[in-house]
Amino acid sequence: MSNISEEDVRRAADIREWLTKQIGDKQEEIERLRTILLIIDMLLKRGSFKTAASLGTLSTIPSKKFSEASSSNRSHDEVNTISESDSPESELGKSIPLQSHQNEPRDQGRGERYLETKELRRIKDNLLLCTASISSAYVEIIPAEGIMLSVEIQPFKSFFQNRILEGMRSRDLEKANKGEISETDCLSYQIDTDDESHIRRIVIRNYRARDRLNEIFNTCTWVLTRMVERKGG
């Protein structure tokens, strides 16, 4: 090791930094490619060959503004969410009706206005699973009335928390370490439960990008569907 010069050490450090950046970039690219591949596999499995324009992959349809009339006059838009297959990766391309409303209710806790609210529903019977209220800084997900699910029911921790949320947070922290974003802009979350570990509220801050928000909705819908079924619902 004594034959290694300071210049060699400096170059090795530069190369290591470059490799670390390349790995991070490739990981994000691989995740996007994997999602596209899974959607294609799903379409082939269903024997449905649609044009790219008709897929609306993992994107939301512009919401309609709330009417000031009664709820019966409010309009609903469908957006794509994750399916309820036994394997989340194998079913990402299937669409689940997800009711979307755009309004401006004030968030009492933070003094902000929600940009829109969305209802995440199970595909087979349109069961309301939860409602997501979205602001520019965070999204708040609250289970629907009658949906009592413990955080101990899988795949909540193993998939939604540890893989999706922690995965997004880890990638943000890597970017923060490289100076690409501020540490205060990194995704964070909290999961509120009652005394019996039932989910009461999930708050996800700094989702930042619309595609990440859609991924959260997709996976949350699939996970809650699986949890309800495991409870016999």
C-alpha atoms as a PDB file:
ATOM      1  CA  MET A   1       0.000   0.000   0.000  1.00  0.00           C
ATOM      2  CA  SER A   2       2.997   2.318   0.535  1.00  0.00           C
ATOM      3  CA  ASN A   3       3.494   2.476  -3.250  1.00  0.00           C
ATOM      4  CA  ILE A   4       0.124   4.200  -3.734  1.00  0.00           C
ATOM      5  CA  SER A   5       0.574   7.916  -4.285  1.00  0.00           C
ATOM      6  CA  GLU A   6      -1.689  10.694  -3.094  1.00  0.00           C
ATOM      7  CA  GLU A   7      -2.681  11.269  -6.701  1.00  0.00           C
ATOM      8  CA  ASP A   8      -3.805   7.643  -6.989  1.00  0.00           C
ATOM      9  CA  VAL A   9      -5.865   8.016  -3.824  1.00  0.00           C
ATOM     10  CA  ARG A  10      -7.467  11.206  -5.112  1.00  0.00           C
ATOM     11  CA  ARG A  11      -8.330   9.592  -8.441  1.00  0.00           C
ATOM     12  CA  ALA A  12      -9.741   6.544  -6.685  1.00  0.00           C
ATOM     13  CA  ALA A  13     -11.938   8.788  -4.525  1.00  0.00           C
ATOM     14  CA  ASP A  14     -13.176  10.638  -7.622  1.00  0.00           C
ATOM     15  CA  ILE A  15     -13.960   7.350  -9.343  1.00  0.00           C
ATOM     16  CA  ARG A  16     -15.787   6.078  -6.267  1.00  0.00           C
ATOM     17  CA  GLU A  17     -17.935   9.222  -6.177  1.00  0.00           C
ATOM     18  CA  TRP A  18     -18.706   8.812  -9.883  1.00  0.00           C
ATOM     19  CA  LEU A  19     -19.608   5.137  -9.422  1.00  0.00           C
ATOM     20  CA  THR A  20     -21.901   5.953  -6.510  1.00  0.00           C
ATOM     21  CA  LYS A  21     -23.740   8.503  -8.624  1.00  0.00           C
ATOM     22  CA  GLN A  22     -23.997   6.062 -11.530  1.00  0.00           C
ATOM     23  CA  ILE A  23     -25.437   3.386  -9.250  1.00  0.00           C
ATOM     24  CA  GLY A  24     -28.078   5.776  -7.920  1.00  0.00           C
ATOM     25  CA  ASP A  25     -29.037   6.918 -11.415  1.00  0.00           C
ATOM     26  CA  LYS A  26     -29.203   3.359 -12.720  1.00  0.00           C
ATOM     27  CA  GLN A  27     -31.341   2.226  -9.801  1.00  0.00           C
ATOM     28  CA  GLU A  28     -33.941   4.866 -10.601  1.00  0.00           C
ATOM     29  CA  GLU A  29     -33.797   3.952 -14.282  1.00  0.00           C
ATOM     30  CA  ILE A  30     -34.175   0.251 -13.475  1.00  0.00           C
ATOM     31  CA  GLU A  31     -37.228   0.950 -11.309  1.00  0.00           C
ATOM     32  CA  ARG A  32     -38.888   2.866 -14.121  1.00  0.00           C
ATOM     33  CA  LEU A  33     -38.021   0.191 -16.685  1.00  0.00           C
ATOM     34  CA  ARG A  34     -39.308  -2.526 -14.362  1.00  0.00           C
ATOM     35  CA  THR A  35     -42.613  -0.692 -13.969  1.00  0.00           C
ATOM     36  CA  ILE A  36     -42.977  -0.345 -17.750  1.00  0.00           C
ATOM     37  CA  LEU A  37     -42.147  -4.016 -18.237  1.00  0.00           C
ATOM     38  CA  LEU A  38     -44.698  -5.109 -15.659  1.00  0.00           C
ATOM     39  CA  ILE A  39     -47.389  -3.014 -17.291  1.00  0.00           C
ATOM     40  CA  ILE A  40     -46.611  -4.560 -20.664  1.00  0.00           C
ATOM     41  CA  ASP A  41     -46.673  -8.054 -19.141  1.00  0.00           C
ATOM     42  CA  MET A  42     -50.037  -7.306 -17.601  1.00  0.00           C
ATOM     43  CA  LEU A  43     -51.475  -6.117 -20.895  1.00  0.00           C
ATOM     44  CA  LEU A  44     -50.183  -9.198 -22.673  1.00  0.00           C
ATOM     45  CA  LYS A  45     -51.573 -11.419 -19.950  1.00  0.00           C
ATOM     46  CA  ARG A  46     -55.005  -9.900 -20.385  1.00  0.00           C
ATOM     47  CA  GLY A  47     -54.732 -10.165 -24.152  1.00  0.00           C
ATOM     48  CA  SER A  48     -55.420  -6.492 -24.501  1.00  0.00           C
ATOM     49  CA  PHE A  49     -53.332  -4.522 -26.985  1.00  0.00           C
ATOM     50  CA  LYS A  50     -54.054  -0.855 -26.448  1.00  0.00           C
ATOM     51  CA  THR A  51     -52.289   2.121 -27.883  1.00  0.00           C
ATOM     52  CA  ALA A  52     -49.911   3.995 -25.641  1.00  0.00           C
ATOM     53  CA  ALA A  53     -52.206   6.982 -25.670  1.00  0.00           C
ATOM     54  CA  SER A  54     -55.044   4.955 -24.172  1.00  0.00           C
ATOM     55  CA  LEU A  55     -53.076   3.487 -21.289  1.00  0.00           C
ATOM     56  CA  GLY A  56     -52.812   6.531 -19.044  1.00  0.00           C
ATOM     57  CA  THR A  57     -50.087   4.668 -17.172  1.00  0.00           C
ATOM     58  CA  LEU A  58     -49.754   5.665 -13.539  1.00  0.00           C
ATOM     59  CA  SER A  59     -51.091   9.128 -14.197  1.00  0.00           C
ATOM     60  CA  THR A  60     -54.115  10.885 -12.915  1.00  0.00           C
ATOM     61  CA  ILE A  61     -56.900  12.357 -14.968  1.00  0.00           C
ATOM     62  CA  PRO A  62     -57.427  16.073 -14.253  1.00  0.00           C
ATOM     63  CA  SER A  63     -59.916  16.359 -11.451  1.00  0.00           C
ATOM     64  CA  LYS A  64     -63.133  18.318 -11.682  1.00  0.00           C
ATOM     65  CA  LYS A  65     -63.783  21.093  -9.196  1.00  0.00           C
ATOM     66  CA  PHE A  66     -66.205  20.431  -6.411  1.00  0.00           C
ATOM     67  CA  SER A  67     -69.682  21.763  -6.996  1.00  0.00           C
ATOM     68  CA  GLU A  68     -71.195  23.763  -4.177  1.00  0.00           C
ATOM     69  CA  ALA A  69     -74.333  21.703  -4.551  1.00  0.00           C
ATOM     70  CA  SER A  70     -75.017  18.438  -2.760  1.00  0.00           C
ATOM     71  CA  SER A  71     -72.669  15.476  -3.057  1.00  0.00           C
ATOM     72  CA  SER A  72     -74.987  13.863  -5.583  1.00  0.00           C
ATOM     73  CA  ASN A  73     -74.023  16.584  -8.053  1.00  0.00           C
ATOM     74  CA  ARG A  74     -70.281  16.141  -7.608  1.00  0.00           C
ATOM     75  CA  SER A  75     -68.399  14.622 -10.531  1.00  0.00           C
ATOM     76  CA  HIS A  76     -65.997  11.706 -10.301  1.00  0.00           C
ATOM     77  CA  ASP A  77     -62.972  10.874 -12.476  1.00  0.00           C
ATOM     78  CA  GLU A  78     -61.289   7.499 -12.721  1.00  0.00           C
ATOM     79  CA  VAL A  79     -57.533   7.212 -12.440  1.00  0.00           C
ATOM     80  CA  ASN A  80     -55.219   4.261 -12.627  1.00  0.00           C
ATOM     81  CA  THR A  81     -54.195   2.421  -9.461  1.00  0.00           C
ATOM     82  CA  ILE A  82     -52.536  -0.857  -8.657  1.00  0.00           C
ATOM     83  CA  SER A  83     -54.485  -4.085  -9.016  1.00  0.00           C
ATOM     84  CA  GLU A  84     -55.265  -6.675  -6.395  1.00  0.00           C
ATOM     85  CA  SER A  85     -53.201  -9.622  -7.614  1.00  0.00           C
ATOM     86  CA  ASP A  86     -51.248 -11.768  -5.168  1.00  0.00           C
ATOM     87  CA  SER A  87     -48.097 -10.183  -6.586  1.00  0.00           C
ATOM     88  CA  PRO A  88     -47.971  -6.372  -6.720  1.00  0.00           C
ATOM     89  CA  GLU A  89     -45.291  -6.336  -9.392  1.00  0.00           C
ATOM     90  CA  SER A  90     -47.276  -8.578 -11.725  1.00  0.00           C
ATOM     91  CA  GLU A  91     -50.388  -6.413 -11.694  1.00  0.00           C
ATOM     92  CA  LEU A  92     -49.205  -2.805 -11.824  1.00  0.00           C
ATOM     93  CA  GLY A  93     -50.805  -2.214 -15.181  1.00  0.00           C
ATOM     94  CA  LYS A  94     -54.412  -2.943 -14.222  1.00  0.00           C
ATOM     95  CA  SER A  95     -56.720  -0.020 -13.584  1.00  0.00           C
ATOM     96  CA  ILE A  96     -58.768   0.385 -10.435  1.00  0.00           C
ATOM     97  CA  PRO A  97     -61.529   2.996 -10.278  1.00  0.00           C
ATOM     98  CA  LEU A  98     -60.288   5.747  -7.993  1.00  0.00           C
ATOM     99  CA  GLN A  99     -62.644   8.608  -7.371  1.00  0.00           C
ATOM    100  CA  SER A 100     -60.972  11.992  -7.627  1.00  0.00           C
ATOM    101  CA  HIS A 101     -62.309  15.338  -6.513  1.00  0.00           C
ATOM    102  CA  GLN A 102     -60.600  18.684  -6.649  1.00  0.00           C
ATOM    103  CA  ASN A 103     -61.440  21.154  -3.931  1.00  0.00           C
ATOM    104  CA  GLU A 104     -59.833  23.506  -1.478  1.00  0.00           C
ATOM    105  CA  PRO A 105     -60.655  22.432   2.078  1.00  0.00           C
ATOM    106  CA  ARG A 106     -58.289  23.966   4.605  1.00  0.00           C
ATOM    107  CA  ASP A 107     -55.958  21.682   6.500  1.00  0.00           C
ATOM    108  CA  GLN A 108     -56.798  22.653  10.059  1.00  0.00           C
ATOM    109  CA  GLY A 109     -53.504  21.359  11.441  1.00  0.00           C
ATOM    110  CA  ARG A 110     -51.098  23.177   9.147  1.00  0.00           C
ATOM    111  CA  GLY A 111     -52.979  26.151   7.740  1.00  0.00           C
ATOM    112  CA  GLU A 112     -52.593  24.932   4.141  1.00  0.00           C
ATOM    113  CA  ARG A 113     -55.229  24.182   1.569  1.00  0.00           C
ATOM    114  CA  TYR A 114     -55.653  20.742   0.096  1.00  0.00           C
ATOM    115  CA  LEU A 115     -55.282  20.765  -3.672  1.00  0.00           C
ATOM    116  CA  GLU A 116     -57.467  17.707  -4.162  1.00  0.00           C
ATOM    117  CA  THR A 117     -58.851  14.626  -2.481  1.00  0.00           C
ATOM    118  CA  LYS A 118     -58.989  11.108  -3.871  1.00  0.00           C
ATOM    119  CA  GLU A 119     -60.908   8.019  -2.921  1.00  0.00           C
ATOM    120  CA  LEU A 120     -58.957   4.772  -3.292  1.00  0.00           C
ATOM    121  CA  ARG A 121     -61.276   1.852  -4.003  1.00  0.00           C
ATOM    122  CA  ARG A 122     -61.021  -1.917  -4.426  1.00  0.00           C
ATOM    123  CA  ILE A 123     -61.453  -2.918  -8.039  1.00  0.00           C
ATOM    124  CA  LYS A 124     -63.753  -5.908  -7.757  1.00  0.00           C
ATOM    125  CA  ASP A 125     -66.578  -4.241  -5.816  1.00  0.00           C
ATOM    126  CA  ASN A 126     -65.647  -0.540  -5.628  1.00  0.00           C
ATOM    127  CA  LEU A 127     -65.199  -0.811  -1.847  1.00  0.00           C
ATOM    128  CA  LEU A 128     -63.906   2.474  -0.440  1.00  0.00           C
ATOM    129  CA  LEU A 129     -60.564   1.742   1.224  1.00  0.00           C
ATOM    130  CA  CYS A 130     -59.328   5.193   2.158  1.00  0.00           C
ATOM    131  CA  THR A 131     -59.371   8.863   1.271  1.00  0.00           C
ATOM    132  CA  ALA A 132     -56.222  10.767   0.363  1.00  0.00           C
ATOM    133  CA  SER A 133     -56.079  14.539   0.890  1.00  0.00           C
ATOM    134  CA  ILE A 134     -53.291  16.176  -1.076  1.00  0.00           C
ATOM    135  CA  SER A 135     -51.527  19.454  -0.445  1.00  0.00           C
ATOM    136  CA  SER A 136     -48.455  20.785  -2.207  1.00  0.00           C
ATOM    137  CA  ALA A 137     -46.240  19.629   0.669  1.00  0.00           C
ATOM    138  CA  TYR A 138     -47.739  16.351   1.816  1.00  0.00           C
ATOM    139  CA  VAL A 139     -50.490  13.772   1.381  1.00  0.00           C
ATOM    140  CA  GLU A 140     -52.702  12.533   4.218  1.00  0.00           C
ATOM    141  CA  ILE A 141     -54.293   9.093   3.865  1.00  0.00           C
ATOM    142  CA  ILE A 142     -57.159   8.137   6.182  1.00  0.00           C
ATOM    143  CA  PRO A 143     -58.853   4.698   6.103  1.00  0.00           C
ATOM    144  CA  ALA A 144     -62.542   4.727   5.266  1.00  0.00           C
ATOM    145  CA  GLU A 145     -65.146   4.165   7.950  1.00  0.00           C
ATOM    146  CA  GLY A 146     -65.260   0.474   8.833  1.00  0.00           C
ATOM    147  CA  ILE A 147     -61.764  -0.228   7.483  1.00  0.00           C
ATOM    148  CA  MET A 148     -59.956  -1.322  10.654  1.00  0.00           C
ATOM    149  CA  LEU A 149     -56.547  -2.667   9.692  1.00  0.00           C
ATOM    150  CA  SER A 150     -53.577  -3.310  11.956  1.00  0.00           C
ATOM    151  CA  VAL A 151     -50.105  -2.337  10.806  1.00  0.00           C
ATOM    152  CA  GLU A 152     -49.115  -5.914  11.664  1.00  0.00           C
ATOM    153  CA  ILE A 153     -51.196  -7.310   8.780  1.00  0.00           C
ATOM    154  CA  GLN A 154     -48.932  -7.974   5.818  1.00  0.00           C
ATOM    155  CA  PRO A 155     -47.940  -6.666   3.389  1.00  0.00           C
ATOM    156  CA  PHE A 156     -48.232  -3.251   5.062  1.00  0.00           C
ATOM    157  CA  LYS A 157     -44.819  -3.189   6.741  1.00  0.00           C
ATOM    158  CA  SER A 158     -42.946  -5.494   4.396  1.00  0.00           C
ATOM    159  CA  PHE A 159     -44.080  -3.825   1.189  1.00  0.00           C
ATOM    160  CA  PHE A 160     -45.713  -0.426   1.647  1.00  0.00           C
ATOM    161  CA  GLN A 161     -43.608   0.858   4.545  1.00  0.00           C
ATOM    162  CA  ASN A 162     -40.247  -0.871   4.125  1.00  0.00           C
ATOM    163  CA  ARG A 163     -40.086  -1.148   0.349  1.00  0.00           C
ATOM    164  CA  ILE A 164     -42.061   1.796  -1.015  1.00  0.00           C
ATOM    165  CA  LEU A 165     -41.821   4.549   1.593  1.00  0.00           C
ATOM    166  CA  GLU A 166     -38.367   3.643   2.933  1.00  0.00           C
ATOM    167  CA  GLY A 167     -37.149   3.119  -0.639  1.00  0.00           C
ATOM    168  CA  MET A 168     -38.226   6.621  -1.639  1.00  0.00           C
ATOM    169  CA  ARG A 169     -36.732   8.087   1.532  1.00  0.00           C
ATOM    170  CA  SER A 170     -33.412   6.297   0.992  1.00  0.00           C
ATOM    171  CA  ARG A 171     -33.138   7.606  -2.563  1.00  0.00           C
ATOM    172  CA  ASP A 172     -33.875  11.126  -1.338  1.00  0.00           C
ATOM    173  CA  LEU A 173     -31.218  10.879   1.360  1.00  0.00           C
ATOM    174  CA  GLU A 174     -28.691   9.776  -1.257  1.00  0.00           C
ATOM    175  CA  LYS A 175     -29.529  12.834  -3.331  1.00  0.00           C
ATOM    176  CA  ALA A 176     -29.241  15.030  -0.239  1.00  0.00           C
ATOM    177  CA  ASN A 177     -25.799  13.598   0.512  1.00  0.00           C
ATOM    178  CA  LYS A 178     -24.742  14.516  -3.034  1.00  0.00           C
ATOM    179  CA  GLY A 179     -26.096  18.019  -2.645  1.00  0.00           C
ATOM    180  CA  GLU A 180     -28.770  17.490  -5.309  1.00  0.00           C
ATOM    181  CA  ILE A 181     -31.606  18.334  -2.913  1.00  0.00           C
ATOM    182  CA  SER A 182     -31.850  19.777   0.569  1.00  0.00           C
ATOM    183  CA  GLU A 183     -32.188  17.355   3.463  1.00  0.00           C
ATOM    184  CA  THR A 184     -35.380  19.173   4.425  1.00  0.00           C
ATOM    185  CA  ASP A 185     -36.805  18.156   1.032  1.00  0.00           C
ATOM    186  CA  CYS A 186     -36.329  14.436   1.682  1.00  0.00           C
ATOM    187  CA  LEU A 187     -39.462  12.326   1.906  1.00  0.00           C
ATOM    188  CA  SER A 188     -40.619  11.567   5.432  1.00  0.00           C
ATOM    189  CA  TYR A 189     -43.703   9.904   6.820  1.00  0.00           C
ATOM    190  CA  GLN A 190     -45.601   9.079   9.976  1.00  0.00           C
ATOM    191  CA  ILE A 191     -48.121   6.313  10.624  1.00  0.00           C
ATOM    192  CA  ASP A 192     -50.647   7.027  13.372  1.00  0.00           C
ATOM    193  CA  THR A 193     -52.363   4.071  15.045  1.00  0.00           C
ATOM    194  CA  ASP A 194     -54.793   3.484  17.890  1.00  0.00           C
ATOM    195  CA  ASP A 195     -54.154   1.356  20.992  1.00  0.00           C
ATOM    196  CA  GLU A 196     -54.806  -1.815  18.974  1.00  0.00           C
ATOM    197  CA  SER A 197     -52.353  -0.853  16.198  1.00  0.00           C
ATOM    198  CA  HIS A 198     -55.147  -0.036  13.740  1.00  0.00           C
ATOM    199  CA  ILE A 199     -54.107   2.484  11.110  1.00  0.00           C
ATOM    200  CA  ARG A 200     -55.724   5.837  11.753  1.00  0.00           C
ATOM    201  CA  ARG A 201     -53.716   8.082   9.472  1.00  0.00           C
ATOM    202  CA  ILE A 202     -50.697   8.026   7.180  1.00  0.00           C
ATOM    203  CA  VAL A 203     -48.964  11.327   6.449  1.00  0.00           C
ATOM    204  CA  ILE A 204     -46.310  11.432   3.732  1.00  0.00           C
ATOM    205  CA  ARG A 205     -44.368  14.668   3.387  1.00  0.00           C
ATOM    206  CA  ASN A 206     -42.207  15.867   0.501  1.00  0.00           C
ATOM    207  CA  TYR A 207     -43.529  13.471  -2.121  1.00  0.00           C
ATOM    208  CA  ARG A 208     -42.337  16.219  -4.497  1.00  0.00           C
ATOM    209  CA  ALA A 209     -43.125  14.539  -7.841  1.00  0.00           C
ATOM    210  CA  ARG A 210     -46.497  13.551  -9.262  1.00  0.00           C
ATOM    211  CA  ASP A 211     -45.237  10.158 -10.431  1.00  0.00           C
ATOM    212  CA  ARG A 212     -44.139   9.323  -6.891  1.00  0.00           C
ATOM    213  CA  LEU A 213     -47.533  10.373  -5.589  1.00  0.00           C
ATOM    214  CA  ASN A 214     -49.197   8.070  -8.107  1.00  0.00           C
ATOM    215  CA  GLU A 215     -46.919   5.214  -7.042  1.00  0.00           C
ATOM    216  CA  ILE A 216     -47.944   5.806  -3.428  1.00  0.00           C
ATOM    217  CA  PHE A 217     -51.624   5.678  -4.386  1.00  0.00           C
ATOM    218  CA  ASN A 218     -51.161   2.559  -6.509  1.00  0.00           C
ATOM    219  CA  THR A 219     -49.285   0.579  -3.924  1.00  0.00           C
ATOM    220  CA  CYS A 220     -51.451   1.783  -1.051  1.00  0.00           C
ATOM    221  CA  THR A 221     -54.572   0.598  -2.879  1.00  0.00           C
ATOM    222  CA  TRP A 222     -53.075  -2.825  -3.539  1.00  0.00           C
ATOM    223  CA  VAL A 223     -51.747  -3.208   0.006  1.00  0.00           C
ATOM    224  CA  LEU A 224     -55.022  -2.218   1.686  1.00  0.00           C
ATOM    225  CA  THR A 225     -56.904  -4.568  -0.637  1.00  0.00           C
ATOM    226  CA  ARG A 226     -54.698  -7.470   0.397  1.00  0.00           C
ATOM    227  CA  MET A 227     -55.024  -6.552   4.069  1.00  0.00           C
ATOM    228  CA  VAL A 228     -58.812  -6.420   3.884  1.00  0.00           C
ATOM    229  CA  GLU A 229     -58.892  -9.818   2.195  1.00  0.00           C
ATOM    230  CA  ARG A 230     -56.596 -11.317   4.812  1.00  0.00           C
ATOM    231  CA  LYS A 231     -59.077 -10.163   7.435  1.00  0.00           C
ATOM    232  CA  GLY A 232     -61.775 -11.973   5.518  1.00  0.00           C
ATOM    233  CA  GLY A 233     -63.321  -8.908   3.949  1.00  0.00           C
END
